[in-house]
Amino acid sequence: MGGLVMTDPASEEVASNDLFGPTPRERVQRIWSSCWIDYPAASQALKRLEWLYDHPRVHRPPCCLIVGESNHGKTTIARKFKRMHEQTFVDGGTSSKMPVVYAQSPPMADIPGLYSNILRAVGAPTASTASALRKQDQVLNLLTRLGTRVLIIDELHTILDGKKDQKGLFLNVLRHLTNELEISLVGIGTKGVLRVFQTNQEFGNRFTPFTLPRWQVGPEYAKFLANICRHGGLQDVAFIKNKTLVRRIHTLSEGLTGETWEVMCTALERMDETGRMAIDGDTLDEIDWTVPTDRRRQT
């Protein structure tokens, strides 16, 4: 998805708003430490994933594509869902269940690479010389034994770099996995991957898209900003009542979840450096920030 945005949180909820630690280093670590902050679009996405998780096993299980722009919270939602259904150990620890498996899509629609990534995600060693068929058998056997109900493949837009026939074969492998295992598959990627799936009627019908919209300036966005600040240790969040300031943060982040997180953490760090007690226009003036669109033009 690009950009690490609130991934792998150590805590599931927004922490207390006391500054953590007496030293600048500890305060910076507190500001940038990962956490889960709920918001409406994320709640809706998690509800959709939970519906897939609870769906009875059928030969053609429903699947989903979570689609959004780069650095917009897609991976964070997927990892949050995985943590909601963690691996458990049974039979005195001699075996385990992994109801949700999360893996990355390899570059260039590489089918053996996909199998290797899934095997790595479940902690299964595989020889680099193993054939694609051998790896496929391992994946099918292991996910069956682990009782997997949902398979998540992130960064699915990497298949766009593959040739047309490679992309077609890769999609067929995804279909084969979900049909053979009778589990739901969730693909995560940017909007380009949606076009690939919709060019095939069967895949377009099977993989229902869930699009994460950009934030709009309003009460929910202001609440999101406040919660980021509270996590970072800022007690005074009165700035969210300043519509001009909130709009400016929205402009800097272009309404993207991950960009908003990074703008706010950068501003909190600058505020701490200057000894200010609140975020204001001067703080935003002083941060080193380039809006995402300009950043992409420079690359």
Foldseek 3Di string as FASTA:
>chain_A
DAFDFLAPAPEAAQDAQAQPDDDLVSLLCLLPGHYDDDFVLLVVVLVVVVCQLPDDQDLQRFAAEEAEDPLFCQVRSVRVSQVVQDKDADPVRPDIARQEFEFEQDAQLDQLVVLVRRCVSVPHDDDPPDDSVVSLVVNLVVNLRNNHAEYEYEAVCNNVNYDPVSSVVSVVVVSVSCNSNSHYYYYYHYPVVLVVQVVDVVSNVRHHYRYDDFDDDDDRLLVVLVSSNSSSNQPDSVCSVVSVVSVVLCVLAVRGNSSSSVLSSQLVSQCVVVVHRYRDPVSSVPGDGDRPVVVVVVD
